[in-house]
């Protein structure tokens, strides 16, 4: 079974939860002008959200990822349950147990295009202040466990997270917490599914 097939199965399994929560998807509004200055994108993967930053904006402890993803224009960061994210094709038991708590993992991958081109209508551009970019970078750095081992798989880099995945702290809670750290008016309280986060972002971001 291909990775794409496993991904589709995962999305089907979480679709029911999203519908029960009333998480209607609305694409970001078009940007009135091309964003300038520091920027973060939030990517809507249907059941899972991620944060993307320009590779050129990765400084300090995150700067090494510019070398790992040489040639990438942006680097995408996401949080999840390690055993679920790394489940082998056909590991349906793990897919069924996915929402249960477990050790977390931070996933990174590089893009040679802006997120809005890679995922049309699914990437919201959020302008940041310089201080906000520094704070968000610190949040991502702190999300990675000290001296975490690196696993390269399917074009992504996986590092052990500094905290566990739980129903009270999901991939979408992580995204919301990072944006709050960046100084954006986002509240991670009660954010479990993607829709609860995206509803807060619609007034703030745009599709660049």
N, C-alpha and C. Protein backbone atom coordinates (compact mmCIF):
# COMPACT_ATOMS: atom_id res chain seq x y z
N UNK A 1 0.85 -1.19 0.00
CA UNK A 1 0.00 0.00 0.00
C UNK A 1 0.89 1.24 0.00
N UNK A 2 0.54 2.22 -0.81
CA UNK A 2 1.36 3.42 -0.92
C UNK A 2 1.14 4.36 0.25
N UNK A 3 2.08 5.30 0.43
CA UNK A 3 1.94 6.31 1.49
C UNK A 3 0.69 7.15 1.25
N UNK A 4 0.41 7.44 -0.01
CA UNK A 4 -0.79 8.24 -0.34
C UNK A 4 -2.05 7.50 0.10
N UNK A 5 -2.07 6.17 -0.09
CA UNK A 5 -3.25 5.40 0.30
C UNK A 5 -3.44 5.42 1.81
N UNK A 6 -2.33 5.30 2.54
CA UNK A 6 -2.41 5.35 4.00
C UNK A 6 -2.91 6.71 4.45
N UNK A 7 -2.41 7.77 3.81
CA UNK A 7 -2.84 9.12 4.16
C UNK A 7 -4.34 9.29 3.93
N UNK A 8 -4.84 8.74 2.81
CA UNK A 8 -6.27 8.84 2.55
C UNK A 8 -7.08 8.12 3.62
N UNK A 9 -6.60 6.95 4.05
CA UNK A 9 -7.30 6.20 5.09
C UNK A 9 -7.34 7.01 6.39
N UNK A 10 -6.21 7.66 6.71
CA UNK A 10 -6.16 8.46 7.94
C UNK A 10 -7.16 9.60 7.86
N UNK A 11 -7.25 10.23 6.69
CA UNK A 11 -8.16 11.36 6.55
C UNK A 11 -9.61 10.91 6.68
N UNK A 12 -9.91 9.73 6.11
CA UNK A 12 -11.27 9.22 6.23
C UNK A 12 -11.63 8.96 7.69
N UNK A 13 -10.68 8.42 8.44
CA UNK A 13 -10.93 8.11 9.85
C UNK A 13 -11.18 9.36 10.68
N UNK A 14 -10.52 10.46 10.32
CA UNK A 14 -10.68 11.69 11.10
C UNK A 14 -11.80 12.58 10.57
N UNK A 15 -12.29 12.29 9.38
CA UNK A 15 -13.33 13.13 8.79
C UNK A 15 -14.58 13.14 9.66
N UNK A 16 -14.95 11.97 10.19
CA UNK A 16 -16.13 11.91 11.04
C UNK A 16 -16.02 12.81 12.25
N UNK A 17 -14.84 12.83 12.88
CA UNK A 17 -14.64 13.71 14.03
C UNK A 17 -14.78 15.17 13.63
N UNK A 18 -14.22 15.52 12.49
CA UNK A 18 -14.29 16.90 12.02
C UNK A 18 -15.73 17.32 11.76
N UNK A 19 -16.52 16.41 11.16
CA UNK A 19 -17.90 16.74 10.87
C UNK A 19 -18.70 16.90 12.15
N UNK A 20 -18.45 16.02 13.14
CA UNK A 20 -19.15 16.13 14.41
C UNK A 20 -18.86 17.45 15.09
N UNK A 21 -17.65 17.96 14.92
CA UNK A 21 -17.25 19.21 15.55
C UNK A 21 -17.72 20.43 14.76
N UNK A 22 -18.30 20.21 13.59
CA UNK A 22 -18.79 21.33 12.79
C UNK A 22 -17.66 22.16 12.21
N UNK A 23 -16.57 21.51 11.82
CA UNK A 23 -15.39 22.23 11.35
C UNK A 23 -15.49 22.49 9.85
N UNK A 24 -16.31 23.44 9.45
CA UNK A 24 -16.45 23.76 8.04
C UNK A 24 -15.20 24.44 7.54
N UNK A 25 -14.75 24.03 6.35
CA UNK A 25 -13.53 24.58 5.78
C UNK A 25 -13.85 25.79 4.91
N UNK A 26 -13.20 26.90 5.17
CA UNK A 26 -13.30 28.07 4.32
C UNK A 26 -11.89 28.48 3.95
N UNK A 27 -11.58 28.62 2.66
CA UNK A 27 -10.22 28.97 2.26
C UNK A 27 -9.87 30.38 2.71
N UNK A 28 -8.57 30.66 2.90
CA UNK A 28 -8.17 32.02 3.28
C UNK A 28 -8.56 33.02 2.20
N UNK A 29 -8.85 34.25 2.60
CA UNK A 29 -9.14 35.30 1.65
C UNK A 29 -7.87 35.66 0.88
N UNK A 30 -7.98 36.09 -0.37
CA UNK A 30 -6.80 36.50 -1.13
C UNK A 30 -6.12 37.71 -0.48
N UNK A 31 -4.80 37.74 -0.55
CA UNK A 31 -4.06 38.89 -0.01
C UNK A 31 -4.23 40.09 -0.93
N UNK A 32 -4.41 41.26 -0.33
CA UNK A 32 -4.53 42.48 -1.12
C UNK A 32 -3.21 42.83 -1.80
N UNK A 33 -2.10 42.46 -1.17
CA UNK A 33 -0.76 42.70 -1.72
C UNK A 33 0.15 41.59 -1.22
N UNK A 34 1.23 41.37 -1.93
CA UNK A 34 2.17 40.33 -1.55
C UNK A 34 2.75 40.68 -0.17
N UNK A 35 2.66 39.76 0.81
CA UNK A 35 3.18 40.07 2.14
C UNK A 35 4.68 40.34 2.11
N UNK A 36 5.12 41.29 2.90
CA UNK A 36 6.55 41.60 3.02
C UNK A 36 6.93 41.45 4.48
N UNK A 37 8.23 41.34 4.73
CA UNK A 37 8.69 41.17 6.09
C UNK A 37 8.51 39.74 6.56
N UNK A 38 8.76 39.50 7.84
CA UNK A 38 8.62 38.14 8.37
C UNK A 38 7.19 37.62 8.18
N UNK A 39 7.09 36.33 7.90
CA UNK A 39 5.78 35.75 7.63
C UNK A 39 5.80 34.28 8.04
N UNK A 40 4.66 33.81 8.50
CA UNK A 40 4.46 32.38 8.75
C UNK A 40 3.22 31.95 7.98
N UNK A 41 3.23 30.74 7.50
CA UNK A 41 2.05 30.17 6.86
C UNK A 41 1.51 29.06 7.75
N UNK A 42 0.20 28.96 7.82
CA UNK A 42 -0.44 27.80 8.43
C UNK A 42 -1.07 26.99 7.30
N UNK A 43 -0.68 25.74 7.21
CA UNK A 43 -1.15 24.87 6.13
C UNK A 43 -2.24 23.95 6.67
N UNK A 44 -3.37 23.94 6.00
CA UNK A 44 -4.50 23.09 6.36
C UNK A 44 -4.38 21.78 5.59
N UNK A 45 -4.07 20.70 6.31
CA UNK A 45 -3.95 19.39 5.67
C UNK A 45 -5.21 18.56 5.86
N UNK A 46 -6.31 19.20 6.19
CA UNK A 46 -7.58 18.52 6.31
C UNK A 46 -7.91 18.16 7.75
N UNK A 47 -7.03 17.42 8.39
CA UNK A 47 -7.22 17.02 9.78
C UNK A 47 -6.06 17.51 10.64
N UNK A 48 -5.07 18.04 10.00
CA UNK A 48 -3.78 18.34 10.63
C UNK A 48 -3.30 19.68 10.10
N UNK A 49 -2.75 20.53 10.97
CA UNK A 49 -2.19 21.81 10.53
C UNK A 49 -0.70 21.85 10.80
N UNK A 50 -0.01 22.64 9.98
CA UNK A 50 1.44 22.78 10.09
C UNK A 50 1.81 24.25 9.97
N UNK A 51 3.01 24.58 10.39
CA UNK A 51 3.54 25.93 10.29
C UNK A 51 4.72 25.92 9.31
N UNK A 52 4.73 26.86 8.39
CA UNK A 52 5.83 26.98 7.44
C UNK A 52 6.50 28.34 7.60
N UNK A 53 7.82 28.34 7.49
CA UNK A 53 8.61 29.56 7.54
C UNK A 53 9.56 29.60 6.35
N UNK A 54 9.89 30.81 5.92
CA UNK A 54 10.91 30.95 4.87
C UNK A 54 12.22 30.36 5.38
N UNK A 55 12.90 29.62 4.52
CA UNK A 55 14.19 29.05 4.91
C UNK A 55 15.17 30.16 5.30
N UNK A 56 15.09 31.29 4.61
CA UNK A 56 15.99 32.41 4.91
C UNK A 56 15.75 33.00 6.28
N UNK A 57 14.57 32.76 6.86
CA UNK A 57 14.24 33.30 8.17
C UNK A 57 14.65 32.37 9.32
N UNK A 58 15.17 31.20 8.98
CA UNK A 58 15.58 30.26 10.02
C UNK A 58 16.96 30.66 10.53
N UNK A 59 17.00 31.12 11.76
CA UNK A 59 18.25 31.56 12.36
C UNK A 59 18.46 30.84 13.69
N UNK A 60 19.60 31.08 14.31
CA UNK A 60 19.89 30.46 15.60
C UNK A 60 19.90 28.95 15.48
N UNK A 61 19.33 28.24 16.47
CA UNK A 61 19.33 26.77 16.44
C UNK A 61 18.59 26.17 15.25
N UNK A 62 17.69 26.94 14.63
CA UNK A 62 16.96 26.41 13.48
C UNK A 62 17.73 26.58 12.17
N UNK A 63 18.82 27.33 12.19
CA UNK A 63 19.55 27.62 10.96
C UNK A 63 20.08 26.36 10.30
N UNK A 64 20.38 25.32 11.08
CA UNK A 64 20.95 24.10 10.50
C UNK A 64 19.98 23.42 9.55
N UNK A 65 18.68 23.71 9.69
CA UNK A 65 17.73 23.08 8.79
C UNK A 65 17.79 23.67 7.39
N UNK A 66 18.36 24.87 7.26
CA UNK A 66 18.58 25.42 5.92
C UNK A 66 19.56 24.56 5.16
N UNK A 67 20.55 24.02 5.86
CA UNK A 67 21.54 23.16 5.23
C UNK A 67 20.95 21.79 4.93
N UNK A 68 20.19 21.25 5.87
CA UNK A 68 19.58 19.93 5.67
C UNK A 68 18.64 19.95 4.48
N UNK A 69 17.86 21.03 4.35
CA UNK A 69 16.92 21.16 3.23
C UNK A 69 17.47 22.19 2.24
N UNK A 70 18.70 21.96 1.80
CA UNK A 70 19.35 22.89 0.88
C UNK A 70 18.52 23.06 -0.39
N UNK A 71 18.33 24.31 -0.79
CA UNK A 71 17.55 24.61 -1.98
C UNK A 71 16.08 24.83 -1.71
N UNK A 72 15.63 24.59 -0.48
CA UNK A 72 14.22 24.80 -0.14
C UNK A 72 13.95 26.28 0.06
N UNK A 73 12.80 26.74 -0.42
CA UNK A 73 12.39 28.13 -0.20
C UNK A 73 11.73 28.28 1.16
N UNK A 74 10.97 27.25 1.56
CA UNK A 74 10.31 27.26 2.86
C UNK A 74 10.52 25.91 3.53
N UNK A 75 10.43 25.91 4.87
CA UNK A 75 10.52 24.68 5.65
C UNK A 75 9.24 24.57 6.46
N UNK A 76 8.62 23.40 6.43
CA UNK A 76 7.34 23.15 7.07
C UNK A 76 7.56 22.34 8.34
N UNK A 77 6.93 22.77 9.43
CA UNK A 77 7.07 22.11 10.73
C UNK A 77 5.69 21.63 11.19
N UNK A 78 5.64 20.42 11.73
CA UNK A 78 4.39 19.89 12.26
C UNK A 78 4.65 19.02 13.47
N UNK A 79 3.66 18.91 14.32
CA UNK A 79 3.76 18.10 15.54
C UNK A 79 2.73 16.98 15.47
N UNK A 80 3.06 15.84 16.04
CA UNK A 80 2.10 14.74 16.06
C UNK A 80 2.53 13.65 17.01
N UNK A 81 1.75 12.59 17.03
CA UNK A 81 2.06 11.41 17.84
C UNK A 81 3.05 10.55 17.06
N UNK A 82 4.17 10.25 17.65
CA UNK A 82 5.26 9.58 16.93
C UNK A 82 4.81 8.27 16.29
N UNK A 83 4.21 7.38 17.07
CA UNK A 83 3.86 6.06 16.54
C UNK A 83 2.81 6.17 15.44
N UNK A 84 1.94 7.16 15.51
CA UNK A 84 0.92 7.36 14.48
C UNK A 84 1.53 7.92 13.20
N UNK A 85 2.35 8.95 13.36
CA UNK A 85 2.96 9.58 12.20
C UNK A 85 3.87 8.62 11.46
N UNK A 86 4.58 7.76 12.19
CA UNK A 86 5.54 6.85 11.58
C UNK A 86 4.98 5.46 11.35
N UNK A 87 3.66 5.29 11.51
CA UNK A 87 3.05 3.97 11.32
C UNK A 87 3.33 3.47 9.91
N UNK A 88 3.72 2.21 9.79
CA UNK A 88 3.95 1.61 8.49
C UNK A 88 2.62 1.42 7.77
N UNK A 89 2.70 1.36 6.44
CA UNK A 89 1.50 1.11 5.65
C UNK A 89 0.84 -0.18 6.12
N UNK A 90 -0.46 -0.10 6.34
CA UNK A 90 -1.20 -1.28 6.77
C UNK A 90 -1.29 -1.44 8.27
N UNK A 91 -0.65 -0.55 9.04
CA UNK A 91 -0.68 -0.66 10.51
C UNK A 91 -1.99 -0.06 11.02
N UNK A 92 -3.10 -0.72 10.73
CA UNK A 92 -4.41 -0.14 11.03
C UNK A 92 -4.66 -0.05 12.53
N UNK A 93 -4.06 -0.94 13.31
CA UNK A 93 -4.24 -0.87 14.76
C UNK A 93 -3.73 0.46 15.28
N UNK A 94 -2.58 0.90 14.79
CA UNK A 94 -2.03 2.18 15.22
C UNK A 94 -2.88 3.32 14.72
N UNK A 95 -3.42 3.20 13.52
CA UNK A 95 -4.28 4.25 12.99
C UNK A 95 -5.53 4.40 13.85
N UNK A 96 -6.09 3.28 14.31
CA UNK A 96 -7.27 3.33 15.15
C UNK A 96 -6.96 3.92 16.52
N UNK A 97 -5.73 3.65 17.01
CA UNK A 97 -5.34 4.14 18.33
C UNK A 97 -4.70 5.53 18.25
N UNK A 98 -4.65 6.09 17.05
CA UNK A 98 -3.97 7.36 16.85
C UNK A 98 -4.32 8.46 17.81
N UNK A 99 -5.61 8.68 18.15
CA UNK A 99 -5.94 9.79 19.06
C UNK A 99 -5.48 9.60 20.49
N UNK A 100 -5.10 8.39 20.87
CA UNK A 100 -4.68 8.15 22.25
C UNK A 100 -3.32 8.78 22.52
N UNK A 101 -3.03 9.14 23.78
CA UNK A 101 -1.75 9.79 24.11
C UNK A 101 -0.54 8.93 23.77
N UNK A 102 0.58 9.60 23.53
CA UNK A 102 1.82 8.90 23.25
C UNK A 102 2.95 9.90 23.02
N UNK A 103 4.19 9.42 22.94
CA UNK A 103 5.32 10.31 22.69
C UNK A 103 5.13 11.12 21.41
N UNK A 104 5.52 12.39 21.45
CA UNK A 104 5.34 13.27 20.31
C UNK A 104 6.54 13.28 19.39
N UNK A 105 6.34 13.81 18.19
CA UNK A 105 7.40 13.94 17.21
C UNK A 105 7.19 15.24 16.45
N UNK A 106 8.28 15.87 16.05
CA UNK A 106 8.23 17.06 15.20
C UNK A 106 8.71 16.66 13.82
N UNK A 107 7.89 16.92 12.82
CA UNK A 107 8.21 16.58 11.44
C UNK A 107 8.58 17.83 10.66
N UNK A 108 9.65 17.75 9.86
CA UNK A 108 10.09 18.86 9.03
C UNK A 108 10.23 18.38 7.60
N UNK A 109 9.89 19.27 6.67
CA UNK A 109 10.17 18.99 5.26
C UNK A 109 10.36 20.30 4.53
N UNK A 110 11.15 20.25 3.48
CA UNK A 110 11.45 21.44 2.71
C UNK A 110 10.59 21.54 1.46
N UNK A 111 10.28 22.79 1.08
CA UNK A 111 9.51 23.06 -0.13
C UNK A 111 10.32 23.98 -1.03
N UNK A 112 10.30 23.71 -2.31
CA UNK A 112 10.99 24.58 -3.26
C UNK A 112 10.06 25.67 -3.81
N UNK A 113 8.88 25.77 -3.25
CA UNK A 113 7.90 26.79 -3.65
C UNK A 113 7.21 27.30 -2.40
N UNK A 114 6.59 28.47 -2.45
CA UNK A 114 5.82 28.94 -1.30
C UNK A 114 4.67 27.99 -1.01
N UNK A 115 4.26 27.87 0.26
CA UNK A 115 3.15 26.97 0.61
C UNK A 115 1.88 27.25 -0.18
N UNK A 116 1.61 28.53 -0.49
CA UNK A 116 0.39 28.86 -1.22
C UNK A 116 0.39 28.27 -2.62
N UNK A 117 1.58 28.02 -3.18
CA UNK A 117 1.66 27.37 -4.49
C UNK A 117 1.61 25.85 -4.35
N UNK A 118 2.19 25.34 -3.28
CA UNK A 118 2.18 23.89 -3.05
C UNK A 118 0.79 23.40 -2.69
N UNK A 119 0.06 24.21 -1.91
CA UNK A 119 -1.28 23.83 -1.46
C UNK A 119 -2.24 24.99 -1.72
N UNK A 120 -2.67 25.21 -2.95
CA UNK A 120 -3.54 26.36 -3.27
C UNK A 120 -4.82 26.33 -2.43
N UNK A 121 -5.13 27.48 -1.83
CA UNK A 121 -6.35 27.62 -1.05
C UNK A 121 -6.28 27.00 0.33
N UNK A 122 -5.12 26.45 0.69
CA UNK A 122 -5.02 25.76 1.98
C UNK A 122 -3.89 26.32 2.84
N UNK A 123 -3.26 27.40 2.42
CA UNK A 123 -2.15 27.98 3.18
C UNK A 123 -2.46 29.44 3.48
N UNK A 124 -2.59 29.76 4.76
CA UNK A 124 -2.88 31.13 5.19
C UNK A 124 -1.58 31.83 5.56
N UNK A 125 -1.32 32.98 4.95
CA UNK A 125 -0.13 33.77 5.24
C UNK A 125 -0.41 34.70 6.40
N UNK A 126 0.45 34.65 7.41
CA UNK A 126 0.28 35.45 8.63
C UNK A 126 1.50 36.34 8.83
N UNK A 127 1.38 37.64 8.64
CA UNK A 127 2.51 38.55 8.86
C UNK A 127 2.94 38.53 10.33
N UNK A 128 4.26 38.56 10.54
CA UNK A 128 4.83 38.56 11.88
C UNK A 128 5.70 39.79 12.07
N UNK A 129 5.86 40.19 13.30
CA UNK A 129 6.89 41.17 13.62
C UNK A 129 8.21 40.44 13.73
N UNK A 130 9.31 41.19 13.75
CA UNK A 130 10.61 40.55 13.93
C UNK A 130 10.66 39.81 15.27
N UNK A 131 10.12 40.45 16.31
CA UNK A 131 10.08 39.80 17.62
C UNK A 131 9.20 38.56 17.59
N UNK A 132 8.12 38.61 16.82
CA UNK A 132 7.23 37.46 16.70
C UNK A 132 7.90 36.29 16.02
N UNK A 133 8.70 36.58 14.99
CA UNK A 133 9.44 35.52 14.31
C UNK A 133 10.44 34.87 15.27
N UNK A 134 11.13 35.68 16.05
CA UNK A 134 12.09 35.14 17.02
C UNK A 134 11.37 34.27 18.04
N UNK A 135 10.21 34.73 18.52
CA UNK A 135 9.46 33.96 19.51
C UNK A 135 8.94 32.65 18.93
N UNK A 136 8.44 32.68 17.70
CA UNK A 136 7.94 31.47 17.06
C UNK A 136 9.09 30.49 16.83
N UNK A 137 10.23 31.00 16.40
CA UNK A 137 11.40 30.14 16.20
C UNK A 137 11.81 29.47 17.51
N UNK A 138 11.74 30.24 18.60
CA UNK A 138 12.05 29.68 19.91
C UNK A 138 11.06 28.61 20.32
N UNK A 139 9.79 28.82 20.00
CA UNK A 139 8.77 27.81 20.30
C UNK A 139 9.06 26.51 19.57
N UNK A 140 9.39 26.61 18.28
CA UNK A 140 9.70 25.40 17.50
C UNK A 140 10.94 24.71 18.06
N UNK A 141 11.96 25.51 18.37
CA UNK A 141 13.18 24.94 18.95
C UNK A 141 12.87 24.21 20.25
N UNK A 142 12.06 24.83 21.10
CA UNK A 142 11.74 24.22 22.39
C UNK A 142 10.84 23.00 22.25
N UNK A 143 10.18 22.85 21.09
CA UNK A 143 9.32 21.69 20.86
C UNK A 143 10.13 20.44 20.55
N UNK A 144 11.39 20.62 20.21
CA UNK A 144 12.26 19.49 19.88
C UNK A 144 13.03 19.08 21.12
N UNK A 145 13.03 17.79 21.43
CA UNK A 145 13.72 17.31 22.62
C UNK A 145 15.23 17.56 22.50
N UNK A 146 15.89 17.92 23.60
CA UNK A 146 17.34 18.11 23.56
C UNK A 146 18.04 16.85 23.06
N UNK A 147 19.01 17.03 22.18
CA UNK A 147 19.78 15.93 21.62
C UNK A 147 18.89 14.87 20.98
N UNK A 148 17.80 15.31 20.36
CA UNK A 148 16.88 14.37 19.72
C UNK A 148 17.55 13.69 18.54
N UNK A 149 17.36 12.38 18.43
CA UNK A 149 17.86 11.66 17.27
C UNK A 149 17.05 12.05 16.05
N UNK A 150 17.70 12.07 14.89
CA UNK A 150 17.05 12.47 13.65
C UNK A 150 16.76 11.25 12.79
N UNK A 151 15.55 11.17 12.28
CA UNK A 151 15.15 10.09 11.38
C UNK A 151 14.69 10.71 10.07
N UNK A 152 15.38 10.40 8.99
CA UNK A 152 15.01 10.87 7.66
C UNK A 152 14.19 9.79 6.98
N UNK A 153 12.99 10.15 6.51
CA UNK A 153 12.08 9.16 5.93
C UNK A 153 11.14 9.85 4.97
N UNK A 154 11.07 9.32 3.75
CA UNK A 154 10.12 9.82 2.75
C UNK A 154 10.25 11.33 2.53
N UNK A 155 11.47 11.84 2.54
CA UNK A 155 11.69 13.26 2.28
C UNK A 155 11.47 14.16 3.46
N UNK A 156 11.12 13.60 4.62
CA UNK A 156 10.90 14.38 5.83
C UNK A 156 11.96 14.04 6.86
N UNK A 157 12.12 14.94 7.81
CA UNK A 157 13.01 14.72 8.95
C UNK A 157 12.14 14.68 10.20
N UNK A 158 12.31 13.64 11.01
CA UNK A 158 11.52 13.47 12.22
C UNK A 158 12.45 13.55 13.43
N UNK A 159 12.05 14.38 14.42
CA UNK A 159 12.81 14.53 15.65
C UNK A 159 11.88 14.34 16.85
N UNK A 160 12.40 13.69 17.89
CA UNK A 160 11.59 13.49 19.09
C UNK A 160 11.16 14.83 19.65
N UNK A 161 9.89 14.91 20.04
CA UNK A 161 9.35 16.14 20.61
C UNK A 161 9.65 16.20 22.10
N UNK A 162 9.63 17.40 22.63
CA UNK A 162 9.91 17.61 24.05
C UNK A 162 8.69 17.34 24.93
N UNK A 163 7.54 17.09 24.31
CA UNK A 163 6.34 16.77 25.08
C UNK A 163 5.53 15.72 24.35
N UNK A 164 4.62 15.09 25.07
CA UNK A 164 3.78 14.05 24.49
C UNK A 164 2.61 14.63 23.72
N UNK A 165 2.08 13.82 22.82
CA UNK A 165 0.82 14.11 22.15
C UNK A 165 -0.30 13.61 23.05
N UNK A 166 -1.31 14.44 23.28
CA UNK A 166 -2.48 14.04 24.06
C UNK A 166 -3.71 14.65 23.41
N UNK A 167 -4.88 14.24 23.88
CA UNK A 167 -6.11 14.83 23.36
C UNK A 167 -6.23 16.30 23.76
N UNK A 168 -5.50 16.70 24.80
CA UNK A 168 -5.50 18.10 25.22
C UNK A 168 -4.40 18.90 24.52
N UNK A 169 -3.49 18.20 23.84
CA UNK A 169 -2.41 18.88 23.11
C UNK A 169 -2.14 18.09 21.84
N UNK A 170 -2.90 18.45 20.79
CA UNK A 170 -2.80 17.78 19.50
C UNK A 170 -1.91 18.58 18.56
N UNK A 171 -1.82 18.10 17.32
CA UNK A 171 -1.07 18.84 16.31
C UNK A 171 -1.61 20.24 16.13
N UNK A 172 -2.94 20.38 16.22
CA UNK A 172 -3.56 21.68 16.02
C UNK A 172 -3.40 22.59 17.24
N UNK A 173 -3.39 21.99 18.43
CA UNK A 173 -3.10 22.77 19.64
C UNK A 173 -1.68 23.32 19.55
N UNK A 174 -0.76 22.48 19.07
CA UNK A 174 0.64 22.89 18.92
C UNK A 174 0.75 24.09 17.97
N UNK A 175 0.08 24.01 16.85
CA UNK A 175 0.12 25.13 15.89
C UNK A 175 -0.42 26.40 16.53
N UNK A 176 -1.55 26.28 17.22
CA UNK A 176 -2.15 27.46 17.86
C UNK A 176 -1.23 28.03 18.93
N UNK A 177 -0.59 27.16 19.71
CA UNK A 177 0.32 27.62 20.76
C UNK A 177 1.51 28.36 20.16
N UNK A 178 2.02 27.87 19.04
CA UNK A 178 3.13 28.53 18.38
C UNK A 178 2.76 29.91 17.88
N UNK A 179 1.58 30.04 17.30
CA UNK A 179 1.13 31.33 16.81
C UNK A 179 0.88 32.31 17.95
N UNK A 180 0.36 31.79 19.04
CA UNK A 180 0.18 32.66 20.22
C UNK A 180 1.52 33.15 20.71
N UNK A 181 2.53 32.26 20.75
CA UNK A 181 3.87 32.67 21.18
C UNK A 181 4.43 33.75 20.25
N UNK A 182 4.03 33.70 18.98
CA UNK A 182 4.50 34.70 18.01
C UNK A 182 3.81 36.04 18.18
N UNK A 183 2.86 36.15 19.11
CA UNK A 183 2.18 37.41 19.36
C UNK A 183 0.90 37.60 18.59
N UNK A 184 0.43 36.55 17.91
CA UNK A 184 -0.82 36.65 17.17
C UNK A 184 -2.00 36.39 18.11
N UNK A 185 -3.16 37.00 17.85
CA UNK A 185 -4.32 36.82 18.73
C UNK A 185 -5.00 35.47 18.49
N UNK A 186 -4.29 34.42 18.85
CA UNK A 186 -4.78 33.05 18.69
C UNK A 186 -4.80 32.40 20.07
N UNK A 187 -5.90 31.73 20.39
CA UNK A 187 -6.04 31.09 21.69
C UNK A 187 -6.04 29.58 21.50
N UNK A 188 -5.02 28.87 22.01
CA UNK A 188 -4.98 27.41 21.85
C UNK A 188 -5.95 26.66 22.74
N UNK A 189 -6.55 27.33 23.71
CA UNK A 189 -7.49 26.67 24.62
C UNK A 189 -8.67 26.11 23.83
N UNK A 190 -8.93 24.84 23.99
CA UNK A 190 -10.05 24.22 23.31
C UNK A 190 -9.78 23.82 21.87
N UNK A 191 -8.58 24.10 21.34
CA UNK A 191 -8.25 23.71 19.98
C UNK A 191 -7.80 22.25 19.97
N UNK A 192 -8.61 21.40 19.40
CA UNK A 192 -8.27 19.98 19.24
C UNK A 192 -8.20 19.64 17.76
N UNK A 193 -9.28 19.94 17.04
CA UNK A 193 -9.33 19.69 15.60
C UNK A 193 -8.95 20.95 14.84
N UNK A 194 -8.64 20.75 13.56
CA UNK A 194 -8.13 21.85 12.74
C UNK A 194 -9.12 22.99 12.61
N UNK A 195 -10.41 22.68 12.51
CA UNK A 195 -11.41 23.72 12.28
C UNK A 195 -11.44 24.78 13.36
N UNK A 196 -11.20 24.36 14.62
CA UNK A 196 -11.23 25.33 15.72
C UNK A 196 -10.10 26.34 15.59
N UNK A 197 -8.99 25.93 15.01
CA UNK A 197 -7.87 26.85 14.77
C UNK A 197 -8.12 27.70 13.54
N UNK A 198 -8.53 27.07 12.45
CA UNK A 198 -8.70 27.80 11.20
C UNK A 198 -9.75 28.90 11.31
N UNK A 199 -10.76 28.68 12.15
CA UNK A 199 -11.78 29.71 12.34
C UNK A 199 -11.18 30.97 12.95
N UNK A 200 -10.16 30.79 13.80
CA UNK A 200 -9.50 31.96 14.40
C UNK A 200 -8.57 32.65 13.41
N UNK A 201 -8.04 31.90 12.45
CA UNK A 201 -7.06 32.46 11.52
C UNK A 201 -7.68 33.23 10.37
N UNK A 202 -8.92 32.90 10.03
CA UNK A 202 -9.49 33.51 8.83
C UNK A 202 -9.45 35.04 8.86
N UNK A 203 -9.72 35.71 9.99
CA UNK A 203 -9.62 37.18 9.99
C UNK A 203 -8.17 37.69 9.97
N UNK A 204 -7.22 36.82 10.24
CA UNK A 204 -5.83 37.26 10.41
C UNK A 204 -4.97 37.04 9.17
N UNK A 205 -5.24 35.95 8.43
CA UNK A 205 -4.35 35.58 7.35
C UNK A 205 -5.00 35.79 5.98
N UNK A 206 -4.20 35.49 4.95
CA UNK A 206 -4.69 35.59 3.59
C UNK A 206 -3.92 34.60 2.73
N UNK A 207 -4.46 34.30 1.56
CA UNK A 207 -3.81 33.37 0.65
C UNK A 207 -2.86 34.14 -0.26
N UNK A 208 -1.57 34.07 0.05
CA UNK A 208 -0.58 34.84 -0.70
C UNK A 208 -0.35 34.21 -2.06
